[in-house]
């Protein structure tokens, strides 16, 4: 599959998975893994509580950004045997920074509440049933699915570019 097709696939899968399943960290991981033809259940499971800025709080980094960072970190890890080497994770740091910078350039922030405010004009407490209903009525799923799709595309692009260098 051509690079453009892979990037488009990552975007479409991310968008679809977020709309169908929610949980931005897991949906972006699923989109990236499926696009690249790989899977790791432990990485996927580890993202279970990371939606909506950590535990549906809005007060943390966007789950799509965190999930995409998890995949990059899994592909370019510091393993237990290298735990004492402070320079071993530099590749992951550099690639995640690149993802972060591109994500912030596109969305103006990396914090979930800030992205909500920018895209929807306000933030939502998803633990409050009334606000949850308002969030869904306001088109939150459309906005968040686009964020997830873009995060998946950015991550796949970074991963493919890094593989081209090797």
C-alpha atoms as a PDB file:
ATOM      1  CA  UNK A   1       0.000   0.000   0.000  1.00  0.00           C
ATOM      2  CA  UNK A   2       1.322   3.464  -0.877  1.00  0.00           C
ATOM      3  CA  UNK A   3       2.217   5.889   1.907  1.00  0.00           C
ATOM      4  CA  UNK A   4      -0.727   8.202   1.124  1.00  0.00           C
ATOM      5  CA  UNK A   5      -3.113   5.248   1.238  1.00  0.00           C
ATOM      6  CA  UNK A   6      -1.726   4.186   4.629  1.00  0.00           C
ATOM      7  CA  UNK A   7      -2.104   7.715   6.008  1.00  0.00           C
ATOM      8  CA  UNK A   8      -5.668   7.926   4.699  1.00  0.00           C
ATOM      9  CA  UNK A   9      -6.425   4.486   6.165  1.00  0.00           C
ATOM     10  CA  UNK A  10      -5.082   5.555   9.576  1.00  0.00           C
ATOM     11  CA  UNK A  11      -7.258   8.677   9.515  1.00  0.00           C
ATOM     12  CA  UNK A  12     -10.409   6.818   8.446  1.00  0.00           C
ATOM     13  CA  UNK A  13      -9.934   3.977  10.943  1.00  0.00           C
ATOM     14  CA  UNK A  14      -9.258   6.408  13.785  1.00  0.00           C
ATOM     15  CA  UNK A  15     -12.341   8.435  12.921  1.00  0.00           C
ATOM     16  CA  UNK A  16     -14.521   5.327  12.577  1.00  0.00           C
ATOM     17  CA  UNK A  17     -13.281   3.604  15.730  1.00  0.00           C
ATOM     18  CA  UNK A  18     -13.803   6.721  17.842  1.00  0.00           C
ATOM     19  CA  UNK A  19     -17.362   7.163  16.542  1.00  0.00           C
ATOM     20  CA  UNK A  20     -18.231   3.471  16.985  1.00  0.00           C
ATOM     21  CA  UNK A  21     -16.390   2.641  20.215  1.00  0.00           C
ATOM     22  CA  UNK A  22     -15.158   5.853  21.900  1.00  0.00           C
ATOM     23  CA  UNK A  23     -12.084   5.884  24.121  1.00  0.00           C
ATOM     24  CA  UNK A  24      -9.667   8.050  22.139  1.00  0.00           C
ATOM     25  CA  UNK A  25      -6.462   6.450  23.447  1.00  0.00           C
ATOM     26  CA  UNK A  26      -7.591   2.949  22.528  1.00  0.00           C
ATOM     27  CA  UNK A  27      -9.205   3.976  19.245  1.00  0.00           C
ATOM     28  CA  UNK A  28      -6.042   5.681  18.011  1.00  0.00           C
ATOM     29  CA  UNK A  29      -3.941   2.664  19.033  1.00  0.00           C
ATOM     30  CA  UNK A  30      -6.288   0.304  17.178  1.00  0.00           C
ATOM     31  CA  UNK A  31      -6.182   2.527  14.078  1.00  0.00           C
ATOM     32  CA  UNK A  32      -2.386   2.745  14.049  1.00  0.00           C
ATOM     33  CA  UNK A  33      -1.867  -0.943  14.720  1.00  0.00           C
ATOM     34  CA  UNK A  34      -4.391  -2.030  12.101  1.00  0.00           C
ATOM     35  CA  UNK A  35      -2.961   0.370   9.513  1.00  0.00           C
ATOM     36  CA  UNK A  36       0.543  -0.973  10.072  1.00  0.00           C
ATOM     37  CA  UNK A  37      -0.558  -4.619  10.246  1.00  0.00           C
ATOM     38  CA  UNK A  38       0.477  -5.258  13.836  1.00  0.00           C
ATOM     39  CA  UNK A  39      -1.151  -5.668  17.231  1.00  0.00           C
ATOM     40  CA  UNK A  40      -0.174  -5.654  20.885  1.00  0.00           C
ATOM     41  CA  UNK A  41      -2.962  -6.394  23.329  1.00  0.00           C
ATOM     42  CA  UNK A  42      -0.955  -5.111  26.316  1.00  0.00           C
ATOM     43  CA  UNK A  43      -0.453  -1.673  24.753  1.00  0.00           C
ATOM     44  CA  UNK A  44      -4.144  -1.584  23.819  1.00  0.00           C
ATOM     45  CA  UNK A  45      -5.255  -2.606  27.322  1.00  0.00           C
ATOM     46  CA  UNK A  46      -2.874  -0.151  29.000  1.00  0.00           C
ATOM     47  CA  UNK A  47      -4.769   2.711  27.327  1.00  0.00           C
ATOM     48  CA  UNK A  48      -8.131   1.763  28.852  1.00  0.00           C
ATOM     49  CA  UNK A  49      -8.298   4.640  31.346  1.00  0.00           C
ATOM     50  CA  UNK A  50      -6.741   7.363  29.229  1.00  0.00           C
ATOM     51  CA  UNK A  51      -9.744   8.828  27.403  1.00  0.00           C
ATOM     52  CA  UNK A  52     -10.797  12.487  27.655  1.00  0.00           C
ATOM     53  CA  UNK A  53      -7.629  13.743  29.269  1.00  0.00           C
ATOM     54  CA  UNK A  54      -7.167  10.855  31.744  1.00  0.00           C
ATOM     55  CA  UNK A  55     -10.137   9.081  33.278  1.00  0.00           C
ATOM     56  CA  UNK A  56     -12.733  11.292  31.545  1.00  0.00           C
ATOM     57  CA  UNK A  57     -11.473  14.336  33.455  1.00  0.00           C
ATOM     58  CA  UNK A  58     -10.553  16.532  30.507  1.00  0.00           C
ATOM     59  CA  UNK A  59      -7.653  17.656  32.671  1.00  0.00           C
ATOM     60  CA  UNK A  60      -4.783  15.930  30.945  1.00  0.00           C
ATOM     61  CA  UNK A  61      -3.238  15.379  27.555  1.00  0.00           C
ATOM     62  CA  UNK A  62      -5.612  14.313  24.803  1.00  0.00           C
ATOM     63  CA  UNK A  63      -6.010  10.537  24.900  1.00  0.00           C
ATOM     64  CA  UNK A  64      -5.453  10.321  21.146  1.00  0.00           C
ATOM     65  CA  UNK A  65      -2.080  12.011  21.548  1.00  0.00           C
ATOM     66  CA  UNK A  66      -1.183   9.787  24.505  1.00  0.00           C
ATOM     67  CA  UNK A  67      -2.266   6.600  22.724  1.00  0.00           C
ATOM     68  CA  UNK A  68      -0.316   7.481  19.592  1.00  0.00           C
ATOM     69  CA  UNK A  69       2.705   8.212  21.808  1.00  0.00           C
ATOM     70  CA  UNK A  70       2.311   4.788  23.408  1.00  0.00           C
ATOM     71  CA  UNK A  71       2.569   3.076  20.022  1.00  0.00           C
ATOM     72  CA  UNK A  72       5.675   5.061  19.091  1.00  0.00           C
ATOM     73  CA  UNK A  73       7.210   4.247  22.486  1.00  0.00           C
ATOM     74  CA  UNK A  74       6.405   0.558  22.030  1.00  0.00           C
ATOM     75  CA  UNK A  75       8.123   0.575  18.623  1.00  0.00           C
ATOM     76  CA  UNK A  76      11.195   2.489  19.891  1.00  0.00           C
ATOM     77  CA  UNK A  77      11.457   1.401  23.533  1.00  0.00           C
ATOM     78  CA  UNK A  78      13.835   1.488  26.404  1.00  0.00           C
ATOM     79  CA  UNK A  79      13.628  -2.054  27.697  1.00  0.00           C
ATOM     80  CA  UNK A  80      14.154  -3.232  31.274  1.00  0.00           C
ATOM     81  CA  UNK A  81      17.697  -4.366  30.459  1.00  0.00           C
ATOM     82  CA  UNK A  82      18.514  -0.755  29.504  1.00  0.00           C
ATOM     83  CA  UNK A  83      16.611   0.896  32.359  1.00  0.00           C
ATOM     84  CA  UNK A  84      19.721   2.515  33.844  1.00  0.00           C
ATOM     85  CA  UNK A  85      20.697   4.068  30.511  1.00  0.00           C
ATOM     86  CA  UNK A  86      19.153   7.563  30.506  1.00  0.00           C
ATOM     87  CA  UNK A  87      19.950   7.971  26.805  1.00  0.00           C
ATOM     88  CA  UNK A  88      18.239   4.776  25.604  1.00  0.00           C
ATOM     89  CA  UNK A  89      14.752   6.370  25.282  1.00  0.00           C
ATOM     90  CA  UNK A  90      16.046   9.343  23.273  1.00  0.00           C
ATOM     91  CA  UNK A  91      14.641   7.961  19.999  1.00  0.00           C
ATOM     92  CA  UNK A  92      11.174   7.613  21.559  1.00  0.00           C
ATOM     93  CA  UNK A  93      11.483  11.059  23.139  1.00  0.00           C
ATOM     94  CA  UNK A  94      12.402  12.651  19.813  1.00  0.00           C
ATOM     95  CA  UNK A  95       9.624  10.943  17.861  1.00  0.00           C
ATOM     96  CA  UNK A  96       6.974  11.658  20.510  1.00  0.00           C
ATOM     97  CA  UNK A  97       8.118  15.285  20.643  1.00  0.00           C
ATOM     98  CA  UNK A  98       7.695  15.456  16.871  1.00  0.00           C
ATOM     99  CA  UNK A  99       4.174  14.031  17.245  1.00  0.00           C
ATOM    100  CA  UNK A 100       3.398  16.467  20.065  1.00  0.00           C
ATOM    101  CA  UNK A 101       4.631  19.470  18.118  1.00  0.00           C
ATOM    102  CA  UNK A 102       2.652  18.560  14.983  1.00  0.00           C
ATOM    103  CA  UNK A 103      -0.455  17.809  17.056  1.00  0.00           C
ATOM    104  CA  UNK A 104      -0.231  21.149  18.892  1.00  0.00           C
ATOM    105  CA  UNK A 105       0.331  22.951  15.600  1.00  0.00           C
ATOM    106  CA  UNK A 106      -2.872  21.376  14.246  1.00  0.00           C
ATOM    107  CA  UNK A 107      -5.089  21.689  17.344  1.00  0.00           C
ATOM    108  CA  UNK A 108      -3.509  24.563  19.270  1.00  0.00           C
ATOM    109  CA  UNK A 109      -3.047  22.514  22.452  1.00  0.00           C
ATOM    110  CA  UNK A 110      -2.479  19.035  23.777  1.00  0.00           C
ATOM    111  CA  UNK A 111      -4.718  19.271  26.879  1.00  0.00           C
ATOM    112  CA  UNK A 112      -8.143  17.732  26.322  1.00  0.00           C
ATOM    113  CA  UNK A 113     -10.131  20.608  27.860  1.00  0.00           C
ATOM    114  CA  UNK A 114      -8.247  23.148  25.746  1.00  0.00           C
ATOM    115  CA  UNK A 115      -8.995  21.179  22.584  1.00  0.00           C
ATOM    116  CA  UNK A 116     -12.668  20.842  23.564  1.00  0.00           C
ATOM    117  CA  UNK A 117     -12.916  24.577  24.140  1.00  0.00           C
ATOM    118  CA  UNK A 118     -11.247  25.333  20.821  1.00  0.00           C
ATOM    119  CA  UNK A 119     -13.383  22.890  18.794  1.00  0.00           C
ATOM    120  CA  UNK A 120     -16.712  23.099  20.645  1.00  0.00           C
ATOM    121  CA  UNK A 121     -16.566  26.433  22.407  1.00  0.00           C
ATOM    122  CA  UNK A 122     -16.647  24.922  25.890  1.00  0.00           C
ATOM    123  CA  UNK A 123     -15.590  21.964  28.014  1.00  0.00           C
ATOM    124  CA  UNK A 124     -17.737  19.104  29.286  1.00  0.00           C
ATOM    125  CA  UNK A 125     -17.720  17.110  32.507  1.00  0.00           C
ATOM    126  CA  UNK A 126     -18.375  13.645  31.130  1.00  0.00           C
ATOM    127  CA  UNK A 127     -19.073  12.311  34.636  1.00  0.00           C
ATOM    128  CA  UNK A 128     -22.204  14.489  34.778  1.00  0.00           C
ATOM    129  CA  UNK A 129     -25.046  12.856  32.812  1.00  0.00           C
ATOM    130  CA  UNK A 130     -26.531  16.186  31.733  1.00  0.00           C
ATOM    131  CA  UNK A 131     -23.181  17.429  30.437  1.00  0.00           C
ATOM    132  CA  UNK A 132     -22.464  14.086  28.789  1.00  0.00           C
ATOM    133  CA  UNK A 133     -25.749  14.391  26.889  1.00  0.00           C
ATOM    134  CA  UNK A 134     -24.880  17.990  25.966  1.00  0.00           C
ATOM    135  CA  UNK A 135     -21.457  16.878  24.760  1.00  0.00           C
ATOM    136  CA  UNK A 136     -22.974  14.283  22.462  1.00  0.00           C
ATOM    137  CA  UNK A 137     -25.611  16.754  21.254  1.00  0.00           C
ATOM    138  CA  UNK A 138     -22.920  19.337  20.511  1.00  0.00           C
ATOM    139  CA  UNK A 139     -21.158  16.984  18.096  1.00  0.00           C
ATOM    140  CA  UNK A 140     -18.383  15.915  20.426  1.00  0.00           C
ATOM    141  CA  UNK A 141     -18.098  12.516  18.724  1.00  0.00           C
ATOM    142  CA  UNK A 142     -17.572  14.185  15.350  1.00  0.00           C
ATOM    143  CA  UNK A 143     -14.939  16.528  16.744  1.00  0.00           C
ATOM    144  CA  UNK A 144     -13.131  13.875  18.773  1.00  0.00           C
ATOM    145  CA  UNK A 145     -13.201  11.362  15.939  1.00  0.00           C
ATOM    146  CA  UNK A 146     -11.492  13.914  13.704  1.00  0.00           C
ATOM    147  CA  UNK A 147      -8.848  14.492  16.383  1.00  0.00           C
ATOM    148  CA  UNK A 148      -8.292  10.734  16.681  1.00  0.00           C
ATOM    149  CA  UNK A 149      -8.077  10.341  12.910  1.00  0.00           C
ATOM    150  CA  UNK A 150      -5.522  13.107  12.676  1.00  0.00           C
ATOM    151  CA  UNK A 151      -3.471  11.753  15.581  1.00  0.00           C
ATOM    152  CA  UNK A 152      -3.414   8.315  13.922  1.00  0.00           C
ATOM    153  CA  UNK A 153      -2.335   9.850  10.607  1.00  0.00           C
ATOM    154  CA  UNK A 154       0.425  11.916  12.237  1.00  0.00           C
ATOM    155  CA  UNK A 155       1.754   8.912  14.163  1.00  0.00           C
ATOM    156  CA  UNK A 156       1.735   6.632  11.126  1.00  0.00           C
ATOM    157  CA  UNK A 157       3.528   9.297   9.104  1.00  0.00           C
ATOM    158  CA  UNK A 158       6.237   9.627  11.768  1.00  0.00           C
ATOM    159  CA  UNK A 159       6.605   5.840  12.045  1.00  0.00           C
ATOM    160  CA  UNK A 160       6.842   5.383   8.269  1.00  0.00           C
ATOM    161  CA  UNK A 161       9.372   8.215   7.936  1.00  0.00           C
ATOM    162  CA  UNK A 162      11.485   6.651  10.664  1.00  0.00           C
ATOM    163  CA  UNK A 163      11.363   3.236   8.964  1.00  0.00           C
ATOM    164  CA  UNK A 164      12.473   4.847   5.687  1.00  0.00           C
ATOM    165  CA  UNK A 165      15.613   6.116   7.471  1.00  0.00           C
ATOM    166  CA  UNK A 166      16.589   2.637   8.653  1.00  0.00           C
END
